[in-house]
Amino acid sequence: MMMLFWILAIAGGAYAVAELNRRGRPQEQEKKPGALEILQERYARGEISEEEYESKKRDLAS
């Protein structure tokens, strides 16, 4: 009986650690957009001109 207790205690502890570790990682859906994606969105919305877009795009590429 004591052996069953220790097996369950160790398994429960391992599960708890794995669950906490999984929750600590960002999910794929929570991925933040990169600088180029933000720049493209701003250009598409008309917030920046084509010249400004091209200039910033060159800056990001270097």
PDB file of N, CA and C in Angstrom:
ATOM      1  N   MET A   1       0.813  -1.191   0.000  1.00  0.00           N
ATOM      2  CA  MET A   1       0.000   0.000   0.000  1.00  0.00           C
ATOM      3  C   MET A   1       0.861   1.261   0.000  1.00  0.00           C
ATOM      4  N   MET A   2       1.937   1.226   0.783  1.00  0.00           N
ATOM      5  CA  MET A   2       2.830   2.376   0.848  1.00  0.00           C
ATOM      6  C   MET A   2       3.502   2.606  -0.501  1.00  0.00           C
ATOM      7  N   MET A   3       3.809   1.559  -1.203  1.00  0.00           N
ATOM      8  CA  MET A   3       4.446   1.686  -2.517  1.00  0.00           C
ATOM      9  C   MET A   3       3.490   2.353  -3.509  1.00  0.00           C
ATOM     10  N   LEU A   4       2.216   2.012  -3.467  1.00  0.00           N
ATOM     11  CA  LEU A   4       1.216   2.623  -4.330  1.00  0.00           C
ATOM     12  C   LEU A   4       1.101   4.121  -4.041  1.00  0.00           C
ATOM     13  N   PHE A   5       1.151   4.503  -2.776  1.00  0.00           N
ATOM     14  CA  PHE A   5       1.119   5.915  -2.398  1.00  0.00           C
ATOM     15  C   PHE A   5       2.271   6.672  -3.035  1.00  0.00           C
ATOM     16  N   TRP A   6       3.480   6.151  -2.938  1.00  0.00           N
ATOM     17  CA  TRP A   6       4.654   6.849  -3.478  1.00  0.00           C
ATOM     18  C   TRP A   6       4.616   6.913  -5.003  1.00  0.00           C
ATOM     19  N   ILE A   7       4.129   5.871  -5.637  1.00  0.00           N
ATOM     20  CA  ILE A   7       4.006   5.893  -7.105  1.00  0.00           C
ATOM     21  C   ILE A   7       3.022   6.985  -7.525  1.00  0.00           C
ATOM     22  N   LEU A   8       1.883   7.062  -6.847  1.00  0.00           N
ATOM     23  CA  LEU A   8       0.889   8.090  -7.162  1.00  0.00           C
ATOM     24  C   LEU A   8       1.417   9.497  -6.846  1.00  0.00           C
ATOM     25  N   ALA A   9       2.146   9.635  -5.752  1.00  0.00           N
ATOM     26  CA  ALA A   9       2.699  10.939  -5.382  1.00  0.00           C
ATOM     27  C   ALA A   9       3.713  11.404  -6.417  1.00  0.00           C
ATOM     28  N   ILE A  10       4.584  10.539  -6.866  1.00  0.00           N
ATOM     29  CA  ILE A  10       5.602  10.896  -7.867  1.00  0.00           C
ATOM     30  C   ILE A  10       4.936  11.200  -9.207  1.00  0.00           C
ATOM     31  N   ALA A  11       3.966  10.384  -9.597  1.00  0.00           N
ATOM     32  CA  ALA A  11       3.270  10.611 -10.863  1.00  0.00           C
ATOM     33  C   ALA A  11       2.493  11.930 -10.819  1.00  0.00           C
ATOM     34  N   GLY A  12       1.850  12.224  -9.710  1.00  0.00           N
ATOM     35  CA  GLY A  12       1.123  13.485  -9.564  1.00  0.00           C
ATOM     36  C   GLY A  12       2.046  14.684  -9.607  1.00  0.00           C
ATOM     37  N   GLY A  13       3.198  14.566  -8.970  1.00  0.00           N
ATOM     38  CA  GLY A  13       4.172  15.656  -9.002  1.00  0.00           C
ATOM     39  C   GLY A  13       4.703  15.885 -10.406  1.00  0.00           C
ATOM     40  N   ALA A  14       4.999  14.817 -11.115  1.00  0.00           N
ATOM     41  CA  ALA A  14       5.491  14.937 -12.485  1.00  0.00           C
ATOM     42  C   ALA A  14       4.426  15.571 -13.386  1.00  0.00           C
ATOM     43  N   TYR A  15       3.180  15.184 -13.194  1.00  0.00           N
ATOM     44  CA  TYR A  15       2.086  15.768 -13.983  1.00  0.00           C
ATOM     45  C   TYR A  15       1.954  17.267 -13.694  1.00  0.00           C
ATOM     46  N   ALA A  16       2.038  17.631 -12.419  1.00  0.00           N
ATOM     47  CA  ALA A  16       1.909  19.039 -12.041  1.00  0.00           C
ATOM     48  C   ALA A  16       3.026  19.875 -12.652  1.00  0.00           C
ATOM     49  N   VAL A  17       4.243  19.378 -12.619  1.00  0.00           N
ATOM     50  CA  VAL A  17       5.373  20.100 -13.208  1.00  0.00           C
ATOM     51  C   VAL A  17       5.195  20.235 -14.722  1.00  0.00           C
ATOM     52  N   ALA A  18       4.777  19.166 -15.379  1.00  0.00           N
ATOM     53  CA  ALA A  18       4.565  19.211 -16.828  1.00  0.00           C
ATOM     54  C   ALA A  18       3.452  20.193 -17.189  1.00  0.00           C
ATOM     55  N   GLU A  19       2.391  20.227 -16.420  1.00  0.00           N
ATOM     56  CA  GLU A  19       1.269  21.131 -16.680  1.00  0.00           C
ATOM     57  C   GLU A  19       1.678  22.586 -16.484  1.00  0.00           C
ATOM     58  N   LEU A  20       2.413  22.867 -15.436  1.00  0.00           N
ATOM     59  CA  LEU A  20       2.892  24.239 -15.208  1.00  0.00           C
ATOM     60  C   LEU A  20       3.846  24.674 -16.305  1.00  0.00           C
ATOM     61  N   ASN A  21       4.688  23.769 -16.751  1.00  0.00           N
ATOM     62  CA  ASN A  21       5.631  24.076 -17.825  1.00  0.00           C
ATOM     63  C   ASN A  21       4.884  24.352 -19.133  1.00  0.00           C
ATOM     64  N   ARG A  22       3.865  23.582 -19.422  1.00  0.00           N
ATOM     65  CA  ARG A  22       3.084  23.767 -20.642  1.00  0.00           C
ATOM     66  C   ARG A  22       2.351  25.094 -20.620  1.00  0.00           C
ATOM     67  N   ARG A  23       1.805  25.473 -19.490  1.00  0.00           N
ATOM     68  CA  ARG A  23       1.064  26.734 -19.386  1.00  0.00           C
ATOM     69  C   ARG A  23       1.986  27.937 -19.469  1.00  0.00           C
ATOM     70  N   GLY A  24       3.232  27.784 -19.138  1.00  0.00           N
ATOM     71  CA  GLY A  24       4.173  28.895 -19.153  1.00  0.00           C
ATOM     72  C   GLY A  24       4.629  29.278 -20.556  1.00  0.00           C
ATOM     73  N   ARG A  25       4.495  28.372 -21.514  1.00  0.00           N
ATOM     74  CA  ARG A  25       4.942  28.646 -22.888  1.00  0.00           C
ATOM     75  C   ARG A  25       3.861  29.355 -23.686  1.00  0.00           C
ATOM     76  N   PRO A  26       4.250  30.344 -24.491  1.00  0.00           N
ATOM     77  CA  PRO A  26       3.238  30.988 -25.341  1.00  0.00           C
ATOM     78  C   PRO A  26       2.744  30.026 -26.411  1.00  0.00           C
ATOM     79  N   GLN A  27       1.482  30.120 -26.708  1.00  0.00           N
ATOM     80  CA  GLN A  27       0.886  29.263 -27.733  1.00  0.00           C
ATOM     81  C   GLN A  27       1.183  29.826 -29.110  1.00  0.00           C
ATOM     82  N   GLU A  28       1.073  28.997 -30.101  1.00  0.00           N
ATOM     83  CA  GLU A  28       1.341  29.412 -31.485  1.00  0.00           C
ATOM     84  C   GLU A  28       0.392  30.524 -31.913  1.00  0.00           C
ATOM     85  N   GLN A  29      -0.857  30.494 -31.430  1.00  0.00           N
ATOM     86  CA  GLN A  29      -1.825  31.502 -31.816  1.00  0.00           C
ATOM     87  C   GLN A  29      -1.487  32.858 -31.241  1.00  0.00           C
ATOM     88  N   GLU A  30      -0.718  32.909 -30.176  1.00  0.00           N
ATOM     89  CA  GLU A  30      -0.362  34.157 -29.517  1.00  0.00           C
ATOM     90  C   GLU A  30       0.889  34.788 -30.107  1.00  0.00           C
ATOM     91  N   LYS A  31       1.317  34.307 -31.248  1.00  0.00           N
ATOM     92  CA  LYS A  31       2.531  34.813 -31.869  1.00  0.00           C
ATOM     93  C   LYS A  31       2.358  36.281 -32.218  1.00  0.00           C
ATOM     94  N   LYS A  32       3.336  37.087 -31.833  1.00  0.00           N
ATOM     95  CA  LYS A  32       3.290  38.511 -32.126  1.00  0.00           C
ATOM     96  C   LYS A  32       3.819  38.755 -33.532  1.00  0.00           C
ATOM     97  N   PRO A  33       3.221  39.714 -34.243  1.00  0.00           N
ATOM     98  CA  PRO A  33       3.693  39.992 -35.602  1.00  0.00           C
ATOM     99  C   PRO A  33       5.077  40.641 -35.584  1.00  0.00           C
ATOM    100  N   GLY A  34       5.846  40.364 -36.618  1.00  0.00           N
ATOM    101  CA  GLY A  34       7.171  40.939 -36.734  1.00  0.00           C
ATOM    102  C   GLY A  34       7.103  42.359 -37.267  1.00  0.00           C
ATOM    103  N   ALA A  35       8.248  43.025 -37.287  1.00  0.00           N
ATOM    104  CA  ALA A  35       8.315  44.418 -37.718  1.00  0.00           C
ATOM    105  C   ALA A  35       7.865  44.578 -39.172  1.00  0.00           C
ATOM    106  N   LEU A  36       8.273  43.658 -40.032  1.00  0.00           N
ATOM    107  CA  LEU A  36       7.892  43.769 -41.438  1.00  0.00           C
ATOM    108  C   LEU A  36       6.383  43.582 -41.616  1.00  0.00           C
ATOM    109  N   GLU A  37       5.797  42.667 -40.861  1.00  0.00           N
ATOM    110  CA  GLU A  37       4.349  42.460 -40.941  1.00  0.00           C
ATOM    111  C   GLU A  37       3.593  43.704 -40.486  1.00  0.00           C
ATOM    112  N   ILE A  38       4.065  44.337 -39.421  1.00  0.00           N
ATOM    113  CA  ILE A  38       3.433  45.561 -38.934  1.00  0.00           C
ATOM    114  C   ILE A  38       3.557  46.661 -39.974  1.00  0.00           C
ATOM    115  N   LEU A  39       4.749  46.773 -40.571  1.00  0.00           N
ATOM    116  CA  LEU A  39       4.974  47.773 -41.611  1.00  0.00           C
ATOM    117  C   LEU A  39       4.031  47.555 -42.790  1.00  0.00           C
ATOM    118  N   GLN A  40       3.879  46.312 -43.221  1.00  0.00           N
ATOM    119  CA  GLN A  40       2.979  45.999 -44.335  1.00  0.00           C
ATOM    120  C   GLN A  40       1.530  46.349 -43.992  1.00  0.00           C
ATOM    121  N   GLU A  41       1.121  46.072 -42.765  1.00  0.00           N
ATOM    122  CA  GLU A  41      -0.238  46.395 -42.345  1.00  0.00           C
ATOM    123  C   GLU A  41      -0.461  47.907 -42.336  1.00  0.00           C
ATOM    124  N   ARG A  42       0.523  48.658 -41.844  1.00  0.00           N
ATOM    125  CA  ARG A  42       0.390  50.117 -41.811  1.00  0.00           C
ATOM    126  C   ARG A  42       0.290  50.684 -43.222  1.00  0.00           C
ATOM    127  N   TYR A  43       1.073  50.127 -44.144  1.00  0.00           N
ATOM    128  CA  TYR A  43       1.016  50.585 -45.533  1.00  0.00           C
ATOM    129  C   TYR A  43      -0.333  50.231 -46.154  1.00  0.00           C
ATOM    130  N   ALA A  44      -0.809  49.043 -45.866  1.00  0.00           N
ATOM    131  CA  ALA A  44      -2.099  48.609 -46.417  1.00  0.00           C
ATOM    132  C   ALA A  44      -3.252  49.464 -45.903  1.00  0.00           C
ATOM    133  N   ARG A  45      -3.162  49.917 -44.664  1.00  0.00           N
ATOM    134  CA  ARG A  45      -4.215  50.772 -44.098  1.00  0.00           C
ATOM    135  C   ARG A  45      -4.083  52.221 -44.555  1.00  0.00           C
ATOM    136  N   GLY A  46      -2.976  52.543 -45.215  1.00  0.00           N
ATOM    137  CA  GLY A  46      -2.770  53.906 -45.698  1.00  0.00           C
ATOM    138  C   GLY A  46      -2.194  54.850 -44.662  1.00  0.00           C
ATOM    139  N   GLU A  47      -1.635  54.300 -43.601  1.00  0.00           N
ATOM    140  CA  GLU A  47      -1.057  55.139 -42.551  1.00  0.00           C
ATOM    141  C   GLU A  47       0.274  55.746 -42.976  1.00  0.00           C
ATOM    142  N   ILE A  48       0.989  55.088 -43.885  1.00  0.00           N
ATOM    143  CA  ILE A  48       2.275  55.598 -44.359  1.00  0.00           C
ATOM    144  C   ILE A  48       2.284  55.597 -45.886  1.00  0.00           C
ATOM    145  N   SER A  49       3.109  56.456 -46.437  1.00  0.00           N
ATOM    146  CA  SER A  49       3.201  56.562 -47.899  1.00  0.00           C
ATOM    147  C   SER A  49       4.070  55.436 -48.452  1.00  0.00           C
ATOM    148  N   GLU A  50       4.046  55.311 -49.779  1.00  0.00           N
ATOM    149  CA  GLU A  50       4.856  54.286 -50.438  1.00  0.00           C
ATOM    150  C   GLU A  50       6.344  54.548 -50.222  1.00  0.00           C
ATOM    151  N   GLU A  51       6.737  55.820 -50.281  1.00  0.00           N
ATOM    152  CA  GLU A  51       8.148  56.167 -50.079  1.00  0.00           C
ATOM    153  C   GLU A  51       8.602  55.797 -48.666  1.00  0.00           C
ATOM    154  N   GLU A  52       7.773  56.117 -47.688  1.00  0.00           N
ATOM    155  CA  GLU A  52       8.109  55.786 -46.301  1.00  0.00           C
ATOM    156  C   GLU A  52       8.149  54.271 -46.111  1.00  0.00           C
ATOM    157  N   TYR A  53       7.215  53.575 -46.730  1.00  0.00           N
ATOM    158  CA  TYR A  53       7.178  52.116 -46.655  1.00  0.00           C
ATOM    159  C   TYR A  53       8.464  51.515 -47.219  1.00  0.00           C
ATOM    160  N   GLU A  54       8.851  51.957 -48.416  1.00  0.00           N
ATOM    161  CA  GLU A  54      10.057  51.417 -49.048  1.00  0.00           C
ATOM    162  C   GLU A  54      11.306  51.737 -48.229  1.00  0.00           C
ATOM    163  N   SER A  55      11.366  52.941 -47.687  1.00  0.00           N
ATOM    164  CA  SER A  55      12.519  53.341 -46.875  1.00  0.00           C
ATOM    165  C   SER A  55      12.636  52.472 -45.627  1.00  0.00           C
ATOM    166  N   LYS A  56      11.538  52.298 -44.932  1.00  0.00           N
ATOM    167  CA  LYS A  56      11.553  51.483 -43.704  1.00  0.00           C
ATOM    168  C   LYS A  56      11.805  50.009 -44.022  1.00  0.00           C
ATOM    169  N   LYS A  57      11.306  49.556 -45.145  1.00  0.00           N
ATOM    170  CA  LYS A  57      11.522  48.162 -45.556  1.00  0.00           C
ATOM    171  C   LYS A  57      13.014  47.925 -45.813  1.00  0.00           C
ATOM    172  N   ARG A  58      13.671  48.886 -46.459  1.00  0.00           N
ATOM    173  CA  ARG A  58      15.121  48.766 -46.693  1.00  0.00           C
ATOM    174  C   ARG A  58      15.882  48.780 -45.365  1.00  0.00           C
ATOM    175  N   ASP A  59      15.439  49.631 -44.433  1.00  0.00           N
ATOM    176  CA  ASP A  59      16.088  49.686 -43.125  1.00  0.00           C
ATOM    177  C   ASP A  59      15.969  48.356 -42.387  1.00  0.00           C
ATOM    178  N   LEU A  60      14.821  47.721 -42.494  1.00  0.00           N
ATOM    179  CA  LEU A  60      14.616  46.436 -41.816  1.00  0.00           C
ATOM    180  C   LEU A  60      15.436  45.320 -42.460  1.00  0.00           C
ATOM    181  N   ALA A  61      15.657  45.423 -43.756  1.00  0.00           N
ATOM    182  CA  ALA A  61      16.402  44.373 -44.466  1.00  0.00           C
ATOM    183  C   ALA A  61      17.892  44.424 -44.144  1.00  0.00           C
ATOM    184  N   SER A  62      18.384  45.572 -43.735  1.00  0.00           N
ATOM    185  CA  SER A  62      19.836  45.684 -43.465  1.00  0.00           C
ATOM    186  C   SER A  62      20.194  45.352 -42.051  1.00  0.00           C
TER     187      SER A  62
END
